[in-house]
Protein backbone atom coordinates (compact mmCIF):
# COMPACT_ATOMS: atom_id res chain seq x y z
CA MET A 1 107.08 102.73 134.86
CA ALA A 2 109.27 105.66 133.87
CA ASP A 3 110.19 103.85 130.65
CA LEU A 4 106.49 103.36 129.83
CA GLU A 5 105.73 107.02 130.45
CA GLU A 6 108.60 107.95 128.17
CA PHE A 7 107.22 105.56 125.57
CA ARG A 8 103.79 107.18 125.92
CA GLY A 9 105.29 110.60 125.27
CA GLU A 10 107.07 109.34 122.16
CA ILE A 11 103.86 107.71 120.87
CA ARG A 12 101.87 110.89 121.49
CA ALA A 13 104.37 113.05 119.63
CA TRP A 14 104.63 110.62 116.74
CA LEU A 15 100.87 110.38 116.33
CA GLU A 16 100.50 114.14 116.40
CA ALA A 17 103.05 114.43 113.61
CA ASN A 18 101.90 111.49 111.48
CA CYS A 19 98.15 110.90 111.88
CA PRO A 20 96.32 112.95 109.21
CA PRO A 21 93.45 115.08 110.56
CA GLU A 22 91.03 113.24 108.25
CA MET A 23 91.93 109.96 110.00
CA ARG A 24 90.98 111.29 113.44
CA THR A 25 87.31 110.51 112.92
CA ARG A 26 85.24 107.35 112.60
CA PRO A 27 84.89 106.03 109.03
CA ARG A 28 81.84 107.61 107.40
CA SER A 29 81.14 104.68 105.12
CA GLU A 30 82.37 101.27 104.04
CA ASP A 31 84.79 102.79 101.53
CA ASP A 32 86.08 105.21 104.14
CA ALA A 33 87.35 102.26 106.21
CA CYS A 34 90.53 100.82 104.69
CA TRP A 35 90.43 97.06 104.01
CA GLY A 36 93.52 96.83 101.81
CA GLY A 37 94.27 94.01 99.38
CA ARG A 38 95.15 93.92 95.72
CA LYS A 39 91.65 95.03 94.66
CA TRP A 40 91.45 97.94 97.10
CA THR A 41 91.22 101.56 95.90
CA PHE A 42 92.07 104.16 98.53
CA SER A 43 89.34 106.72 99.14
CA SER A 44 91.86 109.50 99.82
CA ASP A 45 95.56 110.29 100.06
CA ALA A 46 95.10 110.54 103.83
CA GLN A 47 93.78 106.97 104.00
CA ARG A 48 96.78 105.71 102.03
CA GLN A 49 99.23 107.75 104.09
CA TRP A 50 97.81 106.54 107.42
CA LEU A 51 98.11 102.89 106.39
CA GLU A 52 101.63 103.33 105.05
CA VAL A 53 103.10 105.11 108.09
CA MET A 54 101.46 102.72 110.55
CA ALA A 55 102.50 99.63 108.58
CA GLU A 56 106.06 100.93 108.29
CA ARG A 57 106.32 100.91 112.09
CA GLY A 58 104.52 97.60 112.39
CA TRP A 59 101.67 99.27 114.24
CA THR A 60 98.87 97.78 112.17
CA VAL A 61 99.75 94.71 114.29
CA PRO A 62 101.76 96.21 117.15
CA ASP A 63 102.03 93.04 119.23
CA TRP A 64 103.11 90.74 116.38
CA PRO A 65 106.85 89.91 116.15
CA LYS A 66 108.91 92.27 114.00
CA ASP A 67 110.06 89.33 111.86
CA TYR A 68 106.49 88.99 110.60
CA GLY A 69 105.73 92.68 109.97
CA GLY A 70 104.62 93.56 113.49
CA GLY A 71 105.74 96.19 115.95
CA GLY A 72 107.18 93.80 118.51
CA LEU A 73 105.55 95.76 121.34
CA SER A 74 104.98 94.32 124.79
CA PRO A 75 101.39 94.00 126.07
CA ALA A 76 101.87 97.16 128.17
CA GLU A 77 103.24 99.10 125.19
CA SER A 78 100.41 97.88 122.93
CA LYS A 79 97.89 99.07 125.51
CA ILE A 80 99.49 102.53 125.60
CA LEU A 81 99.34 102.72 121.80
CA ARG A 82 95.63 101.82 121.87
CA GLU A 83 94.99 104.47 124.53
CA GLU A 84 96.81 107.20 122.62
CA LEU A 85 95.07 106.33 119.36
CA ARG A 86 91.74 106.52 121.18
CA ALA A 87 92.70 109.83 122.80
CA ILE A 88 92.95 111.58 119.40
CA GLY A 89 89.99 109.70 117.90
CA ALA A 90 92.20 107.93 115.38
CA ARG A 91 90.59 105.17 113.35
CA GLN A 92 92.19 101.83 112.61
CA PRO A 93 94.61 102.19 109.69
CA LEU A 94 93.51 98.78 108.43
CA TYR A 95 90.41 96.63 108.92
CA SER A 96 91.38 93.04 108.21
CA PHE A 97 90.18 89.50 108.83
CA GLY A 98 93.82 88.62 108.30
CA ILE A 99 94.72 90.65 111.39
CA SER A 100 91.77 89.83 113.61
CA MET A 101 91.34 86.14 112.77
CA LEU A 102 93.84 84.41 110.49
CA GLY A 103 96.98 86.09 111.83
CA PRO A 104 96.69 84.74 115.39
CA ALA A 105 95.95 81.26 114.01
CA LEU A 106 99.03 81.36 111.76
CA LEU A 107 101.20 82.56 114.63
CA LYS A 108 100.11 79.54 116.67
CA TYR A 109 99.70 76.80 114.07
CA GLY A 110 101.44 77.95 110.88
CA THR A 111 104.79 76.72 109.59
CA GLU A 112 107.69 79.16 109.49
CA GLU A 113 107.32 79.35 105.71
CA GLN A 114 103.60 80.18 106.02
CA LYS A 115 104.27 82.87 108.62
CA CYS A 116 106.99 84.52 106.53
CA ARG A 117 104.87 84.32 103.38
CA PHE A 118 101.53 85.62 104.63
CA LEU A 119 101.93 87.63 107.84
CA PRO A 120 104.01 90.55 106.46
CA GLU A 121 101.54 90.94 103.57
CA ILE A 122 98.65 90.98 106.06
CA ALA A 123 100.43 93.58 108.22
CA ARG A 124 101.04 95.86 105.22
CA GLY A 125 97.46 95.54 103.94
CA GLU A 126 98.56 93.88 100.71
CA ILE A 127 96.27 90.86 100.98
CA ARG A 128 92.59 90.69 101.94
CA TRP A 129 91.10 87.51 103.37
CA CYS A 130 87.65 86.01 103.70
CA GLN A 131 86.48 83.13 105.88
CA GLY A 132 85.11 79.88 104.47
CA TYR A 133 83.34 78.29 107.44
CA SER A 134 79.52 78.15 107.21
CA GLU A 135 77.75 76.01 104.63
CA PRO A 136 74.05 75.67 103.67
CA GLY A 137 73.85 72.57 105.90
CA ALA A 138 76.49 73.50 108.47
CA GLY A 139 75.94 76.69 110.43
CA SER A 140 75.74 76.32 114.20
CA ASP A 141 76.73 72.68 113.67
CA LEU A 142 79.88 73.73 111.87
CA ALA A 143 81.54 70.32 112.26
CA GLY A 144 78.90 68.97 109.88
CA LEU A 145 80.54 70.72 106.91
CA GLN A 146 80.75 68.77 103.65
CA THR A 147 83.05 70.75 101.34
CA LYS A 148 85.21 67.93 99.98
CA CYS A 149 88.99 68.08 99.73
CA GLU A 150 90.72 65.17 97.98
CA ASP A 151 94.43 64.38 98.02
CA ARG A 152 95.47 64.17 94.37
CA GLY A 153 99.14 63.50 95.03
CA ASP A 154 100.78 66.80 94.11
CA HIS A 155 97.75 68.97 95.03
CA TRP A 156 94.42 69.11 96.85
CA LEU A 157 91.15 69.17 94.87
CA VAL A 158 88.31 71.12 96.51
CA ASN A 159 84.59 70.86 95.68
CA GLY A 160 81.67 72.30 97.62
CA GLN A 161 79.93 75.47 98.74
CA LYS A 162 80.21 78.03 101.54
CA VAL A 163 77.61 80.60 102.55
CA TRP A 164 77.61 83.91 104.46
CA THR A 165 81.19 84.43 103.31
CA SER A 166 81.79 88.07 104.25
CA TYR A 167 83.33 90.09 101.40
CA ALA A 168 84.18 86.99 99.38
CA ASP A 169 83.66 88.98 96.19
CA GLN A 170 86.34 91.46 97.27
CA ALA A 171 88.83 89.13 98.96
CA ASP A 172 92.15 87.96 97.53
CA TRP A 173 92.47 84.73 99.55
CA ILE A 174 90.28 82.52 101.71
CA PHE A 175 90.98 80.52 104.87
CA CYS A 176 88.66 77.59 104.48
CA LEU A 177 87.50 74.52 106.41
CA VAL A 178 87.31 71.44 104.21
CA ARG A 179 86.61 67.75 104.77
CA THR A 180 89.65 65.57 104.10
CA SER A 181 88.26 62.47 105.83
CA THR A 182 84.85 61.01 106.67
CA GLU A 183 86.11 58.71 109.43
CA SER A 184 85.44 61.31 112.15
CA LYS A 185 83.12 64.32 112.15
CA GLN A 186 85.53 66.79 113.76
CA GLY A 187 88.67 64.77 113.17
CA GLY A 188 88.24 64.76 109.39
CA ILE A 189 88.44 68.55 108.91
CA SER A 190 91.47 70.44 107.58
CA PHE A 191 92.24 74.18 107.50
CA LEU A 192 93.20 75.27 103.98
CA LEU A 193 94.43 78.55 102.43
CA PHE A 194 93.97 79.38 98.76
CA ASP A 195 93.74 82.20 96.24
CA MET A 196 90.23 83.39 95.34
CA ASP A 197 91.39 83.87 91.76
CA SER A 198 92.04 80.13 91.46
CA PRO A 199 90.13 78.50 88.58
CA GLY A 200 86.86 77.04 89.83
CA VAL A 201 86.18 79.64 92.57
CA SER A 202 83.07 81.79 92.11
CA THR A 203 80.99 84.05 94.36
CA LYS A 204 77.44 85.38 94.45
CA PRO A 205 76.44 88.28 96.76
CA ILE A 206 73.47 87.79 99.11
CA LEU A 207 71.27 90.87 99.41
CA LEU A 208 70.29 91.67 103.01
CA ILE A 209 67.20 93.45 104.32
CA SER A 210 69.39 96.50 104.97
CA GLY A 211 70.14 96.83 101.27
CA TYR A 212 73.82 96.17 101.91
CA SER A 213 75.46 92.95 100.76
CA PRO A 214 78.63 92.05 102.69
CA PHE A 215 77.79 88.34 102.54
CA CYS A 216 78.23 85.95 99.64
CA GLU A 217 77.67 82.41 98.52
CA THR A 218 81.00 80.89 97.50
CA PHE A 219 81.36 77.91 95.17
CA PHE A 220 84.32 75.59 94.58
CA ASP A 221 84.38 73.46 91.44
CA ASP A 222 87.54 71.33 91.07
CA VAL A 223 89.74 73.96 92.71
CA LYS A 224 93.40 72.89 92.77
CA VAL A 225 95.31 73.93 95.90
CA PRO A 226 99.04 73.39 96.58
CA LYS A 227 99.76 70.76 99.22
CA ASP A 228 101.74 73.13 101.47
CA GLN A 229 98.74 75.43 102.11
CA VAL A 230 97.26 73.37 104.93
CA VAL A 231 97.60 75.12 108.30
CA GLY A 232 98.32 72.71 111.14
CA GLU A 233 97.94 68.97 110.63
CA VAL A 234 95.75 67.34 108.01
CA ASN A 235 92.47 66.19 109.65
CA ARG A 236 93.25 68.38 112.71
CA GLY A 237 91.86 71.62 111.29
CA TRP A 238 89.15 71.71 113.94
CA ASP A 239 91.81 72.73 116.48
CA VAL A 240 92.79 75.69 114.29
CA ALA A 241 89.14 76.54 113.61
CA LYS A 242 88.23 76.69 117.30
CA TYR A 243 91.23 78.86 118.12
CA LEU A 244 90.39 81.23 115.28
CA LEU A 245 86.76 81.48 116.44
CA GLN A 246 87.94 82.87 119.78
CA HIS A 247 89.56 85.77 117.93
CA GLU A 248 86.58 86.24 115.61
CA ARG A 249 84.27 86.58 118.60
CA GLU A 250 86.69 89.03 120.19
CA MET A 251 86.54 91.09 116.97
CA ILE A 252 82.72 91.00 116.81
CA SER A 253 82.48 92.03 120.48
CA GLY A 254 84.08 95.35 119.46
CA MET A 255 80.73 96.29 117.90
CA GLY A 256 79.63 97.08 121.45
CA LEU A 257 81.96 100.07 121.37
CA GLY A 258 80.30 101.44 118.27
CA GLY A 259 83.13 100.41 115.98
CA GLY A 260 85.13 103.54 116.70
CA GLY A 261 86.19 103.15 120.29
CA SER A 262 83.82 105.86 121.56
CA ALA A 263 81.15 104.30 123.73
CA LEU A 264 79.10 107.37 124.72
CA LEU A 265 75.84 107.54 122.79
CA GLY A 266 74.44 110.54 124.70
CA LYS A 267 77.18 112.78 123.33
CA GLN A 268 76.48 111.53 119.81
CA LEU A 269 72.72 112.10 119.99
CA GLY A 270 72.82 115.51 121.70
CA GLN A 271 69.81 117.00 123.48
CA ILE A 272 66.89 114.57 123.88
CA GLU A 273 63.58 116.05 125.06
CA ASP A 274 61.85 112.82 126.13
CA PRO A 275 62.95 112.17 129.76
CA PHE A 276 62.29 108.42 129.52
CA LEU A 277 64.44 108.13 126.40
CA ARG A 278 67.11 110.27 128.06
CA ALA A 279 67.16 107.82 130.95
CA GLU A 280 67.49 104.86 128.57
CA VAL A 281 70.41 106.52 126.77
CA ALA A 282 72.10 107.31 130.10
CA ALA A 283 71.66 103.68 131.20
CA PHE A 284 73.12 102.54 127.89
CA ASP A 285 76.15 104.81 128.32
CA ILE A 286 76.80 103.39 131.79
CA ASP A 287 76.67 99.86 130.40
CA ALA A 288 78.84 100.84 127.44
CA LEU A 289 81.50 102.33 129.73
CA ALA A 290 81.43 99.17 131.83
CA PHE A 291 81.82 97.12 128.66
CA THR A 292 84.79 99.30 127.64
CA ALA A 293 86.49 98.59 130.98
CA MET A 294 85.69 94.89 130.66
CA SER A 295 87.12 94.87 127.12
CA GLU A 296 90.38 96.42 128.29
CA HIS A 297 90.66 93.85 131.07
CA PHE A 298 89.89 91.03 128.63
CA MET A 299 92.52 92.31 126.17
CA ASP A 300 95.12 92.43 128.96
CA GLN A 301 94.28 88.85 129.93
CA LEU A 302 94.28 87.70 126.30
CA LYS A 303 97.68 89.22 125.54
CA ALA A 304 99.09 87.68 128.72
CA GLY A 305 97.67 84.26 127.82
CA GLU A 306 95.48 84.27 130.94
CA ALA A 307 92.01 84.64 129.40
CA HIS A 308 89.48 81.89 130.04
CA PRO A 309 88.86 79.98 126.77
CA ALA A 310 85.13 80.79 126.99
CA MET A 311 85.64 84.52 127.58
CA PRO A 312 85.41 85.40 123.85
CA SER A 313 81.89 83.94 123.83
CA MET A 314 80.89 86.14 126.77
CA MET A 315 82.42 89.19 125.10
CA LYS A 316 80.80 88.39 121.76
CA TYR A 317 77.35 88.04 123.30
CA SER A 318 77.70 91.22 125.39
CA GLY A 319 79.05 93.28 122.49
CA THR A 320 76.35 92.01 120.14
CA GLU A 321 73.52 92.90 122.50
CA LEU A 322 75.04 96.29 123.25
CA ASN A 323 75.38 97.14 119.56
CA LYS A 324 71.78 96.13 118.82
CA ARG A 325 70.63 98.25 121.75
CA ARG A 326 72.72 101.20 120.53
CA HIS A 327 71.00 101.25 117.15
CA GLU A 328 67.55 100.76 118.65
CA LEU A 329 68.14 103.95 120.67
CA VAL A 330 69.46 105.84 117.63
CA MET A 331 66.24 104.97 115.80
CA ALA A 332 64.08 105.93 118.79
CA ALA A 333 65.86 109.27 119.20
CA GLY A 334 65.58 110.10 115.50
CA GLY A 335 61.87 109.32 115.27
CA SER A 336 60.17 108.74 111.96
CA ASP A 337 62.85 110.70 110.10
CA THR A 338 65.33 107.88 110.63
CA LEU A 339 63.07 105.52 108.68
CA GLU A 340 63.78 107.43 105.46
CA TRP A 341 65.52 105.02 103.08
CA GLU A 342 67.05 107.21 100.36
CA SER A 343 67.14 110.68 101.93
CA GLU A 344 70.28 112.84 101.69
CA ARG A 345 69.44 114.11 105.16
CA THR A 346 69.91 110.57 106.52
CA ARG A 347 72.95 109.90 104.28
CA GLY A 348 71.10 107.42 102.12
CA GLY A 349 69.11 105.93 104.96
CA LYS A 350 72.24 105.13 107.01
CA PRO A 351 70.51 104.93 110.44
CA ALA A 352 67.78 102.55 109.25
CA ARG A 353 70.15 100.40 107.20
CA GLU A 354 72.63 100.06 110.07
CA TRP A 355 69.80 99.27 112.51
CA LEU A 356 68.55 96.47 110.24
CA ARG A 357 72.11 95.21 109.76
CA THR A 358 72.51 94.69 113.53
CA LYS A 359 69.86 91.95 113.39
CA ALA A 360 72.55 89.68 111.96
CA ASN A 361 74.95 90.37 114.85
CA SER A 362 73.34 87.71 117.02
CA ILE A 363 73.81 85.11 114.25
CA GLU A 364 77.25 85.76 112.71
CA GLY A 365 80.30 84.37 114.45
CA GLY A 366 78.14 81.85 116.31
CA THR A 367 74.56 82.52 117.39
CA SER A 368 73.77 84.17 120.72
CA GLU A 369 72.18 80.91 121.87
CA ILE A 370 75.43 79.05 121.18
CA GLN A 371 77.45 81.70 123.07
CA LEU A 372 75.11 81.56 126.07
CA GLY A 373 75.42 77.78 126.12
CA ILE A 374 79.21 78.03 126.17
CA VAL A 375 79.12 80.59 128.99
CA ALA A 376 76.65 78.47 130.98
CA LYS A 377 78.75 75.32 130.61
CA HIS A 378 82.33 76.58 130.84
CA ILE A 379 82.15 79.75 132.97
CA LEU A 380 79.05 79.40 135.16
CA ARG A 381 79.36 75.60 135.37
CA LEU A 382 75.58 75.24 135.44
CA PRO A 383 74.23 71.70 135.83
CA GLY A 384 72.95 70.16 132.64
CA ALA A 385 74.48 72.91 130.45
């Protein structure tokens, strides 16, 4: 315990000396959140500095092994780092699907060569990934995917289409589910990595009701992929995919905390005259604080390898509903002014656009209905679930 308190003191002093004041606030916009990658342009010197100093210590991925660019921290040390970052309001130095989704899958299923090649680049923010899962005919029934991957001897040849590929137009690489066999629905899927600049890869943004377009259609036309870029066994990619989905749902559940680790909405909204709305905001804050405590407990269990396999579904559903509720209350508190779409006063219609964007939360990463079914069957053990 004394060693951990000493560690906390060292962390606190280091953060005070190295976290730029500009990075002690939530990102104000998409560009203000650092995604890294070879196409990324830093929005400020402070953003660059914060990524560099954190990556140098391995603290973009504090619990990854040092050999792969991580900090090598124990679960208890990682928790202290998270607490001290939250205490000063520090934002994440790097937002990354490589960190939140692909990295854990590579650590479990990747070859040593794959780990050494990709994980350090992910940790340093030098490579940005997108996820090739959903297809026009394979959403909730993901195992029905049809993107074809043929063995051409010295390479794989990929043809097909993905949809709802977040940030595909900005990503450097994709982790992609492809069909390498038709003998079995789930048993014929492989998990493939390839460069988005490969000949035959193209993307088309999908405009959302919010006016933002994080999602894309992604097309593969005779894309050649090296044979050694399969993660796990050929035709056993479904195992990797399911494991990765647990981490994706964990990531999405973080929306319930408002994306910045501060759960209290009442403090953000200030004085509210309507007593009924005040009561709703207070009730939300109580639920948000409970969700924060539950998230910490879940993270402790996850890091210790003790989390129930269905827990990410419960967390994803809870975080999704909490985030939707948060933005409903923001709109209610702001009144008709928050409906302004282009106003400078509303920062280009930020409240309305973000409120509309939350409607997708209950679809992405597995629909709420799917998550509730998993919880009913595997946690509650309900008959007929």
